[in-house]
Amino acid sequence: MFVIIGFVVVLACVFGGFMLAGGNIMVVARAAPIEMLIICGAALGGFITANGPKVIKETIGGVLGLFKGPKYGKTDYVELLKLLYEILMKIRKEGLMAIEAHVENPSPAPSSRSTRRCWPTTTCSISSPTACA
């Protein structure tokens, strides 16, 4: 979504600035298709010449990935903030050394609180905050 908005803003600023400076937009409209063919063709040819097939495939995948939605949603960020809050409150109430055992050995002792999905796909709780790492 932001890619499309950014693209529209760039076009509006470039062509709007051109017209505000007194330029005739019809000159650009007539020349644009041919100029775009020359510029984009040269850029694409240079890119293909300079890179191998693996990089080209990854680039195409990355460009297509720009139009997908975000990997993480609002609920993921809220859960992460809740976990961070619990860890910081434990440090505040019991001291920094209270989480030392969990950092050294995160697997034992289930939490008194419910276990929930953590960042990004593992489960963790206050008793094992580093299980999410």
C-alpha atoms as a PDB file:
ATOM      1  CA  MET A   1       0.000   0.000   0.000  1.00  0.00           C
ATOM      2  CA  PHE A   2       2.768   2.438   0.927  1.00  0.00           C
ATOM      3  CA  VAL A   3       4.615   1.558  -2.271  1.00  0.00           C
ATOM      4  CA  ILE A   4       1.655   2.702  -4.340  1.00  0.00           C
ATOM      5  CA  ILE A   5       1.185   5.852  -2.250  1.00  0.00           C
ATOM      6  CA  GLY A   6       4.888   6.658  -2.582  1.00  0.00           C
ATOM      7  CA  PHE A   7       4.752   6.128  -6.330  1.00  0.00           C
ATOM      8  CA  VAL A   8       1.781   8.508  -6.654  1.00  0.00           C
ATOM      9  CA  VAL A   9       3.496  11.155  -4.492  1.00  0.00           C
ATOM     10  CA  VAL A  10       6.674  10.997  -6.603  1.00  0.00           C
ATOM     11  CA  LEU A  11       4.748  11.333  -9.866  1.00  0.00           C
ATOM     12  CA  ALA A  12       2.628  14.195  -8.500  1.00  0.00           C
ATOM     13  CA  CYS A  13       5.686  16.093  -7.260  1.00  0.00           C
ATOM     14  CA  VAL A  14       7.734  15.607 -10.427  1.00  0.00           C
ATOM     15  CA  PHE A  15       5.015  16.502 -12.888  1.00  0.00           C
ATOM     16  CA  GLY A  16       3.453  19.127 -10.624  1.00  0.00           C
ATOM     17  CA  GLY A  17       6.817  20.822 -10.185  1.00  0.00           C
ATOM     18  CA  PHE A  18       7.403  20.693 -13.917  1.00  0.00           C
ATOM     19  CA  MET A  19       4.069  22.402 -14.586  1.00  0.00           C
ATOM     20  CA  LEU A  20       4.597  24.988 -11.807  1.00  0.00           C
ATOM     21  CA  ALA A  21       7.912  25.903 -13.400  1.00  0.00           C
ATOM     22  CA  GLY A  22       6.017  26.717 -16.583  1.00  0.00           C
ATOM     23  CA  GLY A  23       6.630  23.516 -18.501  1.00  0.00           C
ATOM     24  CA  ASN A  24       4.161  22.230 -21.058  1.00  0.00           C
ATOM     25  CA  ILE A  25       2.920  18.816 -19.868  1.00  0.00           C
ATOM     26  CA  MET A  26       1.944  17.812 -23.407  1.00  0.00           C
ATOM     27  CA  VAL A  27       5.606  17.781 -24.422  1.00  0.00           C
ATOM     28  CA  VAL A  28       6.280  15.297 -21.628  1.00  0.00           C
ATOM     29  CA  ALA A  29       3.191  13.276 -22.499  1.00  0.00           C
ATOM     30  CA  ARG A  30       4.313  12.876 -26.135  1.00  0.00           C
ATOM     31  CA  ALA A  31       7.915  12.028 -25.285  1.00  0.00           C
ATOM     32  CA  ALA A  32       7.282   9.913 -22.185  1.00  0.00           C
ATOM     33  CA  PRO A  33       6.605   6.526 -23.806  1.00  0.00           C
ATOM     34  CA  ILE A  34       9.731   6.638 -25.958  1.00  0.00           C
ATOM     35  CA  GLU A  35      11.905   8.032 -23.168  1.00  0.00           C
ATOM     36  CA  MET A  36      10.611   5.425 -20.717  1.00  0.00           C
ATOM     37  CA  LEU A  37      11.420   2.670 -23.221  1.00  0.00           C
ATOM     38  CA  ILE A  38      14.964   3.976 -23.639  1.00  0.00           C
ATOM     39  CA  ILE A  39      15.665   4.618 -19.951  1.00  0.00           C
ATOM     40  CA  CYS A  40      13.966   1.500 -18.528  1.00  0.00           C
ATOM     41  CA  GLY A  41      15.363  -0.704 -21.280  1.00  0.00           C
ATOM     42  CA  ALA A  42      18.895   0.515 -20.640  1.00  0.00           C
ATOM     43  CA  ALA A  43      18.481   0.054 -16.883  1.00  0.00           C
ATOM     44  CA  LEU A  44      17.038  -3.439 -17.259  1.00  0.00           C
ATOM     45  CA  GLY A  45      19.719  -4.456 -19.755  1.00  0.00           C
ATOM     46  CA  GLY A  46      22.473  -3.167 -17.470  1.00  0.00           C
ATOM     47  CA  PHE A  47      20.963  -4.978 -14.506  1.00  0.00           C
ATOM     48  CA  ILE A  48      20.749  -8.275 -16.392  1.00  0.00           C
ATOM     49  CA  THR A  49      24.320  -7.849 -17.679  1.00  0.00           C
ATOM     50  CA  ALA A  50      25.728  -7.076 -14.234  1.00  0.00           C
ATOM     51  CA  ASN A  51      23.948  -9.838 -12.269  1.00  0.00           C
ATOM     52  CA  GLY A  52      23.533 -13.571 -12.460  1.00  0.00           C
ATOM     53  CA  PRO A  53      20.286 -15.558 -12.654  1.00  0.00           C
ATOM     54  CA  LYS A  54      20.116 -16.098  -8.885  1.00  0.00           C
ATOM     55  CA  VAL A  55      20.278 -12.377  -8.102  1.00  0.00           C
ATOM     56  CA  ILE A  56      17.744 -11.581 -10.820  1.00  0.00           C
ATOM     57  CA  LYS A  57      15.258 -14.137  -9.411  1.00  0.00           C
ATOM     58  CA  GLU A  58      15.755 -12.829  -5.866  1.00  0.00           C
ATOM     59  CA  THR A  59      15.242  -9.267  -7.065  1.00  0.00           C
ATOM     60  CA  ILE A  60      12.007 -10.160  -8.822  1.00  0.00           C
ATOM     61  CA  GLY A  61      10.820 -11.924  -5.656  1.00  0.00           C
ATOM     62  CA  GLY A  62      11.771  -8.884  -3.560  1.00  0.00           C
ATOM     63  CA  VAL A  63       9.953  -6.481  -5.839  1.00  0.00           C
ATOM     64  CA  LEU A  64       6.834  -8.661  -5.773  1.00  0.00           C
ATOM     65  CA  GLY A  65       7.173  -8.856  -1.973  1.00  0.00           C
ATOM     66  CA  LEU A  66       6.779  -5.076  -1.780  1.00  0.00           C
ATOM     67  CA  PHE A  67       3.139  -5.435  -2.764  1.00  0.00           C
ATOM     68  CA  LYS A  68       2.327  -8.082  -0.132  1.00  0.00           C
ATOM     69  CA  GLY A  69       1.076  -7.173   3.307  1.00  0.00           C
ATOM     70  CA  PRO A  70       3.353  -6.910   6.334  1.00  0.00           C
ATOM     71  CA  LYS A  71       4.714 -10.119   7.828  1.00  0.00           C
ATOM     72  CA  TYR A  72       3.668  -9.174  11.352  1.00  0.00           C
ATOM     73  CA  GLY A  73       0.328  -7.731  12.403  1.00  0.00           C
ATOM     74  CA  LYS A  74      -0.872  -5.531  15.215  1.00  0.00           C
ATOM     75  CA  THR A  75      -1.550  -8.507  17.504  1.00  0.00           C
ATOM     76  CA  ASP A  76       2.058  -9.688  17.120  1.00  0.00           C
ATOM     77  CA  TYR A  77       3.382  -6.310  18.213  1.00  0.00           C
ATOM     78  CA  VAL A  78       0.920  -6.109  21.116  1.00  0.00           C
ATOM     79  CA  GLU A  79       1.962  -9.567  22.342  1.00  0.00           C
ATOM     80  CA  LEU A  80       5.622  -8.586  22.093  1.00  0.00           C
ATOM     81  CA  LEU A  81       4.999  -5.416  24.096  1.00  0.00           C
ATOM     82  CA  LYS A  82       3.117  -7.411  26.760  1.00  0.00           C
ATOM     83  CA  LEU A  83       6.012  -9.859  27.074  1.00  0.00           C
ATOM     84  CA  LEU A  84       8.501  -7.009  27.291  1.00  0.00           C
ATOM     85  CA  TYR A  85       6.362  -5.369  29.971  1.00  0.00           C
ATOM     86  CA  GLU A  86       6.273  -8.583  32.013  1.00  0.00           C
ATOM     87  CA  ILE A  87      10.037  -9.015  31.768  1.00  0.00           C
ATOM     88  CA  LEU A  88      10.741  -5.410  32.730  1.00  0.00           C
ATOM     89  CA  MET A  89       8.297  -5.571  35.661  1.00  0.00           C
ATOM     90  CA  LYS A  90      10.011  -8.737  36.907  1.00  0.00           C
ATOM     91  CA  ILE A  91      13.350  -6.928  36.710  1.00  0.00           C
ATOM     92  CA  ARG A  92      11.903  -3.897  38.485  1.00  0.00           C
ATOM     93  CA  LYS A  93      10.322  -5.900  41.328  1.00  0.00           C
ATOM     94  CA  GLU A  94      12.925  -8.629  41.836  1.00  0.00           C
ATOM     95  CA  GLY A  95      16.056  -7.085  40.367  1.00  0.00           C
ATOM     96  CA  LEU A  96      18.060  -7.789  37.258  1.00  0.00           C
ATOM     97  CA  MET A  97      19.466 -11.024  38.665  1.00  0.00           C
ATOM     98  CA  ALA A  98      15.926 -12.453  38.830  1.00  0.00           C
ATOM     99  CA  ILE A  99      15.985 -13.196  35.132  1.00  0.00           C
ATOM    100  CA  GLU A 100      19.568 -14.505  35.122  1.00  0.00           C
ATOM    101  CA  ALA A 101      18.448 -18.103  35.606  1.00  0.00           C
ATOM    102  CA  HIS A 102      16.044 -17.800  32.688  1.00  0.00           C
ATOM    103  CA  VAL A 103      18.732 -16.367  30.459  1.00  0.00           C
ATOM    104  CA  GLU A 104      21.183 -19.131  31.354  1.00  0.00           C
ATOM    105  CA  ASN A 105      18.661 -21.991  31.135  1.00  0.00           C
ATOM    106  CA  PRO A 106      15.358 -21.000  29.490  1.00  0.00           C
ATOM    107  CA  SER A 107      13.764 -24.459  29.196  1.00  0.00           C
ATOM    108  CA  PRO A 108      12.792 -25.557  32.771  1.00  0.00           C
ATOM    109  CA  ALA A 109       9.892 -24.477  34.970  1.00  0.00           C
ATOM    110  CA  PRO A 110       6.598 -23.720  33.284  1.00  0.00           C
ATOM    111  CA  SER A 111       5.191 -20.299  33.931  1.00  0.00           C
ATOM    112  CA  SER A 112       2.453 -19.510  36.394  1.00  0.00           C
ATOM    113  CA  ARG A 113       0.942 -17.410  33.636  1.00  0.00           C
ATOM    114  CA  SER A 114      -0.529 -18.879  30.502  1.00  0.00           C
ATOM    115  CA  THR A 115       1.796 -19.592  27.636  1.00  0.00           C
ATOM    116  CA  ARG A 116       1.083 -17.633  24.485  1.00  0.00           C
ATOM    117  CA  ARG A 117       2.384 -17.277  20.956  1.00  0.00           C
ATOM    118  CA  CYS A 118       5.508 -15.192  20.867  1.00  0.00           C
ATOM    119  CA  TRP A 119       7.704 -13.486  18.302  1.00  0.00           C
ATOM    120  CA  PRO A 120       7.387 -14.807  15.597  1.00  0.00           C
ATOM    121  CA  THR A 121       6.233 -18.439  15.866  1.00  0.00           C
ATOM    122  CA  THR A 122       7.489 -19.951  19.121  1.00  0.00           C
ATOM    123  CA  THR A 123       5.761 -20.004  22.486  1.00  0.00           C
ATOM    124  CA  CYS A 124       7.196 -18.421  25.571  1.00  0.00           C
ATOM    125  CA  SER A 125       6.276 -16.881  28.868  1.00  0.00           C
ATOM    126  CA  ILE A 126       7.804 -14.830  31.645  1.00  0.00           C
ATOM    127  CA  SER A 127       9.431 -17.922  33.104  1.00  0.00           C
ATOM    128  CA  SER A 128      11.406 -18.449  29.904  1.00  0.00           C
ATOM    129  CA  PRO A 129      11.709 -15.120  28.097  1.00  0.00           C
ATOM    130  CA  THR A 130      14.643 -16.257  25.989  1.00  0.00           C
ATOM    131  CA  ALA A 131      12.715 -19.206  24.559  1.00  0.00           C
ATOM    132  CA  CYS A 132      11.577 -16.760  21.922  1.00  0.00           C
ATOM    133  CA  ALA A 133      15.122 -16.146  20.723  1.00  0.00           C
END
